[in-house]
Amino acid sequence: MNFWMCKCGKKVSANILKCPYCKAPADQETQLKFNPNLTSCRDCKKPISKGATKCPSCGCSNPGIPENSYMVASAITIVIVVIIAIFFFVRYQTASAKARQQMNDASEAAEDAQRSLQKLQDQLKRQ
């Protein structure tokens, strides 16, 4: 069984967060260690409920969500947007290259047809 030591020197069961002898609350570290529903505020570091939307001590909004998690989410979003942009850019470049090749092929075919027509016209004039 787990215990924590109170300031008064008595052992207190881990499931009790207030000393039954001197009525002193467990320290912050003990509260966080033995109560799974608590976390620490990202600003003032005091114990708060995991579901709290505002810290009762400092007023911080969403105190249970670490500040760097917003940065991680932003970074992931940026990376996804960049990957999508690169995908469409490469796809556009590939499509453009294919379209240019098709235009070149069509242009060469038109030039060949024009040369053939010119040859036929020259042959008809000679006859």
N, C-alpha and C. Protein backbone atom coordinates (compact mmCIF):
# COMPACT_ATOMS: atom_id res chain seq x y z
N MET A 1 0.84 -1.18 0.00
CA MET A 1 0.00 0.00 0.00
C MET A 1 0.89 1.24 0.00
N ASN A 2 0.48 2.25 -0.75
CA ASN A 2 1.26 3.48 -0.87
C ASN A 2 0.89 4.48 0.23
N PHE A 3 1.93 5.17 0.69
CA PHE A 3 1.73 6.19 1.71
C PHE A 3 2.49 7.45 1.32
N TRP A 4 2.08 8.56 1.89
CA TRP A 4 2.85 9.80 1.77
C TRP A 4 3.05 10.35 3.17
N MET A 5 4.13 11.08 3.33
CA MET A 5 4.46 11.63 4.64
C MET A 5 3.93 13.05 4.76
N CYS A 6 3.15 13.28 5.79
CA CYS A 6 2.60 14.61 6.06
C CYS A 6 3.67 15.47 6.74
N LYS A 7 3.43 16.77 6.72
CA LYS A 7 4.34 17.71 7.40
C LYS A 7 4.40 17.43 8.90
N CYS A 8 3.32 16.86 9.44
CA CYS A 8 3.30 16.57 10.88
C CYS A 8 4.09 15.30 11.22
N GLY A 9 4.57 14.60 10.19
CA GLY A 9 5.40 13.43 10.41
C GLY A 9 4.64 12.12 10.39
N LYS A 10 3.35 12.13 10.15
CA LYS A 10 2.54 10.91 10.13
C LYS A 10 2.45 10.38 8.71
N LYS A 11 2.35 9.03 8.62
CA LYS A 11 2.11 8.38 7.33
C LYS A 11 0.62 8.45 7.03
N VAL A 12 0.31 8.84 5.79
CA VAL A 12 -1.09 8.96 5.37
C VAL A 12 -1.27 8.09 4.14
N SER A 13 -2.38 7.37 4.08
CA SER A 13 -2.68 6.52 2.93
C SER A 13 -2.73 7.36 1.65
N ALA A 14 -2.29 6.76 0.54
CA ALA A 14 -2.21 7.47 -0.73
C ALA A 14 -3.56 7.91 -1.25
N ASN A 15 -4.63 7.19 -0.89
CA ASN A 15 -5.94 7.58 -1.40
C ASN A 15 -6.58 8.72 -0.59
N ILE A 16 -5.91 9.19 0.44
CA ILE A 16 -6.38 10.32 1.23
C ILE A 16 -5.43 11.49 0.98
N LEU A 17 -5.95 12.59 0.46
CA LEU A 17 -5.09 13.72 0.10
C LEU A 17 -5.12 14.83 1.14
N LYS A 18 -5.69 14.54 2.33
CA LYS A 18 -5.68 15.49 3.43
C LYS A 18 -5.36 14.70 4.69
N CYS A 19 -4.38 15.15 5.43
CA CYS A 19 -3.94 14.43 6.62
C CYS A 19 -5.09 14.37 7.64
N PRO A 20 -5.46 13.17 8.09
CA PRO A 20 -6.56 13.08 9.06
C PRO A 20 -6.14 13.55 10.46
N TYR A 21 -4.84 13.71 10.68
CA TYR A 21 -4.35 14.11 12.00
C TYR A 21 -4.29 15.65 12.14
N CYS A 22 -3.60 16.28 11.17
CA CYS A 22 -3.43 17.74 11.28
C CYS A 22 -4.26 18.51 10.26
N LYS A 23 -4.97 17.80 9.37
CA LYS A 23 -5.85 18.38 8.35
C LYS A 23 -5.09 19.15 7.26
N ALA A 24 -3.79 18.97 7.18
CA ALA A 24 -3.00 19.63 6.14
C ALA A 24 -3.17 18.88 4.83
N PRO A 25 -3.33 19.60 3.72
CA PRO A 25 -3.44 18.91 2.43
C PRO A 25 -2.09 18.35 2.00
N ALA A 26 -2.15 17.33 1.17
CA ALA A 26 -0.91 16.77 0.62
C ALA A 26 -0.23 17.83 -0.24
N ASP A 27 1.08 17.76 -0.34
CA ASP A 27 1.78 18.73 -1.18
C ASP A 27 1.45 18.46 -2.66
N GLN A 28 1.81 19.40 -3.52
CA GLN A 28 1.44 19.32 -4.93
C GLN A 28 1.96 18.06 -5.60
N GLU A 29 3.20 17.72 -5.32
CA GLU A 29 3.80 16.54 -5.93
C GLU A 29 3.04 15.28 -5.55
N THR A 30 2.66 15.17 -4.27
CA THR A 30 1.92 14.01 -3.80
C THR A 30 0.53 13.96 -4.43
N GLN A 31 -0.13 15.11 -4.52
CA GLN A 31 -1.46 15.15 -5.13
C GLN A 31 -1.41 14.68 -6.57
N LEU A 32 -0.42 15.15 -7.31
CA LEU A 32 -0.30 14.76 -8.71
C LEU A 32 0.08 13.28 -8.85
N LYS A 33 0.88 12.80 -7.93
CA LYS A 33 1.36 11.42 -7.99
C LYS A 33 0.24 10.43 -7.72
N PHE A 34 -0.60 10.69 -6.73
CA PHE A 34 -1.59 9.71 -6.30
C PHE A 34 -3.00 9.96 -6.81
N ASN A 35 -3.29 11.07 -7.42
CA ASN A 35 -4.62 11.34 -7.94
C ASN A 35 -4.55 11.38 -9.47
N PRO A 36 -5.07 10.35 -10.15
CA PRO A 36 -4.98 10.30 -11.61
C PRO A 36 -5.83 11.35 -12.32
N ASN A 37 -6.75 11.99 -11.61
CA ASN A 37 -7.61 13.00 -12.21
C ASN A 37 -6.99 14.39 -12.18
N LEU A 38 -5.81 14.51 -11.61
CA LEU A 38 -5.15 15.81 -11.50
C LEU A 38 -3.96 15.91 -12.45
N THR A 39 -3.72 17.11 -12.86
CA THR A 39 -2.53 17.45 -13.64
C THR A 39 -2.06 18.81 -13.13
N SER A 40 -0.93 19.27 -13.61
CA SER A 40 -0.48 20.59 -13.14
C SER A 40 -0.74 21.64 -14.22
N CYS A 41 -1.06 22.83 -13.77
CA CYS A 41 -1.30 23.96 -14.67
C CYS A 41 0.00 24.28 -15.40
N ARG A 42 -0.12 24.56 -16.69
CA ARG A 42 1.10 24.82 -17.46
C ARG A 42 1.74 26.16 -17.10
N ASP A 43 0.98 27.09 -16.49
CA ASP A 43 1.54 28.39 -16.12
C ASP A 43 2.02 28.43 -14.67
N CYS A 44 1.11 28.12 -13.71
CA CYS A 44 1.47 28.27 -12.30
C CYS A 44 1.92 26.95 -11.67
N LYS A 45 1.76 25.83 -12.38
CA LYS A 45 2.20 24.50 -11.92
C LYS A 45 1.44 23.96 -10.73
N LYS A 46 0.30 24.57 -10.38
CA LYS A 46 -0.50 24.06 -9.25
C LYS A 46 -1.39 22.93 -9.75
N PRO A 47 -1.76 21.99 -8.85
CA PRO A 47 -2.63 20.88 -9.27
C PRO A 47 -4.01 21.37 -9.67
N ILE A 48 -4.50 20.84 -10.79
CA ILE A 48 -5.85 21.17 -11.27
C ILE A 48 -6.47 19.90 -11.84
N SER A 49 -7.76 19.91 -12.01
CA SER A 49 -8.46 18.79 -12.62
C SER A 49 -8.07 18.70 -14.09
N LYS A 50 -7.94 17.48 -14.61
CA LYS A 50 -7.58 17.31 -16.02
C LYS A 50 -8.62 17.90 -16.96
N GLY A 51 -9.87 17.97 -16.52
CA GLY A 51 -10.93 18.51 -17.36
C GLY A 51 -11.15 20.00 -17.21
N ALA A 52 -10.33 20.67 -16.41
CA ALA A 52 -10.53 22.10 -16.16
C ALA A 52 -10.30 22.91 -17.43
N THR A 53 -11.17 23.90 -17.66
CA THR A 53 -11.01 24.79 -18.80
C THR A 53 -10.31 26.08 -18.41
N LYS A 54 -10.23 26.33 -17.10
CA LYS A 54 -9.56 27.53 -16.59
C LYS A 54 -8.94 27.19 -15.24
N CYS A 55 -7.73 27.64 -15.02
CA CYS A 55 -7.05 27.38 -13.74
C CYS A 55 -7.66 28.27 -12.67
N PRO A 56 -8.07 27.68 -11.53
CA PRO A 56 -8.65 28.49 -10.47
C PRO A 56 -7.61 29.37 -9.77
N SER A 57 -6.33 29.04 -9.91
CA SER A 57 -5.29 29.82 -9.24
C SER A 57 -4.83 31.02 -10.07
N CYS A 58 -4.50 30.78 -11.34
CA CYS A 58 -3.93 31.87 -12.15
C CYS A 58 -4.83 32.35 -13.28
N GLY A 59 -5.91 31.59 -13.57
CA GLY A 59 -6.84 32.02 -14.62
C GLY A 59 -6.45 31.60 -16.02
N CYS A 60 -5.42 30.82 -16.15
CA CYS A 60 -4.94 30.37 -17.46
C CYS A 60 -6.03 29.53 -18.14
N SER A 61 -6.29 29.77 -19.44
CA SER A 61 -7.28 28.97 -20.15
C SER A 61 -6.63 27.69 -20.65
N ASN A 62 -7.40 26.61 -20.66
CA ASN A 62 -6.93 25.27 -21.01
C ASN A 62 -5.62 24.93 -20.30
N PRO A 63 -5.62 24.95 -18.98
CA PRO A 63 -4.37 24.78 -18.23
C PRO A 63 -3.77 23.39 -18.30
N GLY A 64 -4.57 22.38 -18.63
CA GLY A 64 -4.04 21.03 -18.67
C GLY A 64 -3.34 20.70 -19.97
N ILE A 65 -3.47 21.57 -20.97
CA ILE A 65 -2.84 21.33 -22.26
C ILE A 65 -1.51 22.06 -22.28
N PRO A 66 -0.42 21.33 -22.42
CA PRO A 66 0.89 21.99 -22.45
C PRO A 66 0.99 22.96 -23.62
N GLU A 67 1.65 24.08 -23.40
CA GLU A 67 1.76 25.11 -24.43
C GLU A 67 2.45 24.58 -25.68
N ASN A 68 3.44 23.71 -25.49
CA ASN A 68 4.17 23.22 -26.66
C ASN A 68 3.31 22.30 -27.51
N SER A 69 2.18 21.78 -26.99
CA SER A 69 1.32 20.93 -27.82
C SER A 69 0.65 21.77 -28.91
N TYR A 70 0.38 23.07 -28.63
CA TYR A 70 -0.14 23.94 -29.67
C TYR A 70 0.91 24.12 -30.77
N MET A 71 2.15 24.25 -30.35
CA MET A 71 3.23 24.42 -31.33
C MET A 71 3.40 23.16 -32.16
N VAL A 72 3.29 22.00 -31.52
CA VAL A 72 3.42 20.73 -32.25
C VAL A 72 2.29 20.60 -33.26
N ALA A 73 1.06 20.91 -32.83
CA ALA A 73 -0.08 20.83 -33.74
C ALA A 73 0.08 21.80 -34.91
N SER A 74 0.57 22.99 -34.64
CA SER A 74 0.81 23.97 -35.71
C SER A 74 1.88 23.48 -36.66
N ALA A 75 2.94 22.92 -36.12
CA ALA A 75 4.04 22.42 -36.95
C ALA A 75 3.55 21.27 -37.84
N ILE A 76 2.77 20.37 -37.27
CA ILE A 76 2.24 19.25 -38.06
C ILE A 76 1.34 19.77 -39.17
N THR A 77 0.49 20.76 -38.87
CA THR A 77 -0.39 21.34 -39.88
C THR A 77 0.42 21.97 -41.00
N ILE A 78 1.46 22.70 -40.64
CA ILE A 78 2.31 23.35 -41.66
C ILE A 78 2.98 22.30 -42.53
N VAL A 79 3.49 21.25 -41.92
CA VAL A 79 4.16 20.19 -42.69
C VAL A 79 3.17 19.54 -43.66
N ILE A 80 1.95 19.28 -43.20
CA ILE A 80 0.95 18.67 -44.08
C ILE A 80 0.62 19.59 -45.25
N VAL A 81 0.45 20.88 -44.97
CA VAL A 81 0.15 21.84 -46.03
C VAL A 81 1.29 21.90 -47.04
N VAL A 82 2.53 21.91 -46.56
CA VAL A 82 3.68 21.96 -47.46
C VAL A 82 3.74 20.70 -48.32
N ILE A 83 3.49 19.54 -47.73
CA ILE A 83 3.51 18.28 -48.50
C ILE A 83 2.44 18.30 -49.58
N ILE A 84 1.25 18.78 -49.23
CA ILE A 84 0.17 18.87 -50.22
C ILE A 84 0.54 19.85 -51.34
N ALA A 85 1.13 20.98 -50.96
CA ALA A 85 1.54 21.97 -51.97
C ALA A 85 2.60 21.38 -52.90
N ILE A 86 3.57 20.68 -52.34
CA ILE A 86 4.61 20.05 -53.17
C ILE A 86 4.00 19.02 -54.11
N PHE A 87 3.06 18.22 -53.59
CA PHE A 87 2.39 17.21 -54.41
C PHE A 87 1.71 17.86 -55.62
N PHE A 88 0.93 18.93 -55.36
CA PHE A 88 0.22 19.58 -56.47
C PHE A 88 1.20 20.29 -57.41
N PHE A 89 2.25 20.87 -56.89
CA PHE A 89 3.25 21.53 -57.73
C PHE A 89 3.90 20.51 -58.66
N VAL A 90 4.34 19.38 -58.10
CA VAL A 90 4.98 18.34 -58.92
C VAL A 90 4.00 17.80 -59.94
N ARG A 91 2.77 17.59 -59.48
CA ARG A 91 1.76 17.07 -60.41
C ARG A 91 1.51 18.08 -61.54
N TYR A 92 1.44 19.36 -61.21
CA TYR A 92 1.24 20.39 -62.22
C TYR A 92 2.42 20.43 -63.19
N GLN A 93 3.64 20.36 -62.62
CA GLN A 93 4.83 20.38 -63.48
C GLN A 93 4.85 19.18 -64.42
N THR A 94 4.48 18.02 -63.90
CA THR A 94 4.44 16.81 -64.72
C THR A 94 3.38 16.96 -65.81
N ALA A 95 2.21 17.47 -65.42
CA ALA A 95 1.14 17.67 -66.39
C ALA A 95 1.56 18.71 -67.42
N SER A 96 2.24 19.77 -66.98
CA SER A 96 2.70 20.81 -67.90
C SER A 96 3.74 20.24 -68.86
N ALA A 97 4.64 19.42 -68.35
CA ALA A 97 5.66 18.81 -69.21
C ALA A 97 5.01 17.91 -70.25
N LYS A 98 4.01 17.13 -69.83
CA LYS A 98 3.30 16.27 -70.78
C LYS A 98 2.55 17.10 -71.82
N ALA A 99 1.91 18.18 -71.36
CA ALA A 99 1.18 19.05 -72.28
C ALA A 99 2.13 19.71 -73.27
N ARG A 100 3.31 20.17 -72.79
CA ARG A 100 4.29 20.77 -73.70
C ARG A 100 4.78 19.75 -74.72
N GLN A 101 5.00 18.52 -74.26
CA GLN A 101 5.46 17.47 -75.17
C GLN A 101 4.39 17.18 -76.22
N GLN A 102 3.13 17.12 -75.79
CA GLN A 102 2.04 16.90 -76.74
C GLN A 102 1.93 18.05 -77.73
N MET A 103 2.12 19.28 -77.24
CA MET A 103 2.06 20.44 -78.14
C MET A 103 3.21 20.40 -79.14
N ASN A 104 4.40 20.03 -78.67
CA ASN A 104 5.55 19.90 -79.57
C ASN A 104 5.30 18.82 -80.61
N ASP A 105 4.77 17.68 -80.16
CA ASP A 105 4.47 16.60 -81.10
C ASP A 105 3.44 17.04 -82.14
N ALA A 106 2.41 17.75 -81.68
CA ALA A 106 1.36 18.23 -82.60
C ALA A 106 1.94 19.26 -83.56
N SER A 107 2.82 20.11 -83.05
CA SER A 107 3.45 21.12 -83.90
C SER A 107 4.33 20.47 -84.96
N GLU A 108 5.09 19.47 -84.56
CA GLU A 108 5.93 18.76 -85.53
C GLU A 108 5.07 18.04 -86.56
N ALA A 109 3.96 17.45 -86.12
CA ALA A 109 3.06 16.76 -87.05
C ALA A 109 2.46 17.77 -88.03
N ALA A 110 2.09 18.95 -87.53
CA ALA A 110 1.53 19.99 -88.40
C ALA A 110 2.58 20.46 -89.41
N GLU A 111 3.83 20.63 -88.96
CA GLU A 111 4.91 21.04 -89.87
C GLU A 111 5.16 19.97 -90.92
N ASP A 112 5.15 18.71 -90.52
CA ASP A 112 5.32 17.60 -91.47
C ASP A 112 4.19 17.60 -92.49
N ALA A 113 2.96 17.81 -92.01
CA ALA A 113 1.82 17.84 -92.92
C ALA A 113 1.94 19.02 -93.88
N GLN A 114 2.41 20.15 -93.39
CA GLN A 114 2.57 21.33 -94.24
C GLN A 114 3.64 21.09 -95.30
N ARG A 115 4.75 20.45 -94.93
CA ARG A 115 5.80 20.12 -95.90
C ARG A 115 5.30 19.16 -96.96
N SER A 116 4.53 18.15 -96.49
CA SER A 116 3.98 17.19 -97.44
C SER A 116 3.02 17.88 -98.41
N LEU A 117 2.20 18.78 -97.88
CA LEU A 117 1.27 19.53 -98.73
C LEU A 117 2.02 20.40 -99.73
N GLN A 118 3.09 21.03 -99.27
CA GLN A 118 3.90 21.87 -100.16
C GLN A 118 4.52 21.04 -101.28
N LYS A 119 5.00 19.84 -100.92
CA LYS A 119 5.58 18.95 -101.94
C LYS A 119 4.54 18.56 -102.97
N LEU A 120 3.33 18.23 -102.49
CA LEU A 120 2.25 17.86 -103.41
C LEU A 120 1.89 19.02 -104.32
N GLN A 121 1.84 20.23 -103.76
CA GLN A 121 1.52 21.40 -104.58
C GLN A 121 2.61 21.64 -105.62
N ASP A 122 3.86 21.46 -105.24
CA ASP A 122 4.96 21.63 -106.19
C ASP A 122 4.88 20.59 -107.29
N GLN A 123 4.53 19.36 -106.96
CA GLN A 123 4.40 18.29 -107.96
C GLN A 123 3.25 18.59 -108.91
N LEU A 124 2.16 19.14 -108.38
CA LEU A 124 1.02 19.46 -109.24
C LEU A 124 1.36 20.61 -110.19
N LYS A 125 2.17 21.56 -109.75
CA LYS A 125 2.54 22.67 -110.61
C LYS A 125 3.45 22.22 -111.75
N ARG A 126 4.29 21.23 -111.49
CA ARG A 126 5.20 20.72 -112.51
C ARG A 126 4.46 19.95 -113.58
N GLN A 127 3.35 19.39 -113.27
CA GLN A 127 2.65 18.57 -114.26
C GLN A 127 1.87 19.39 -115.18
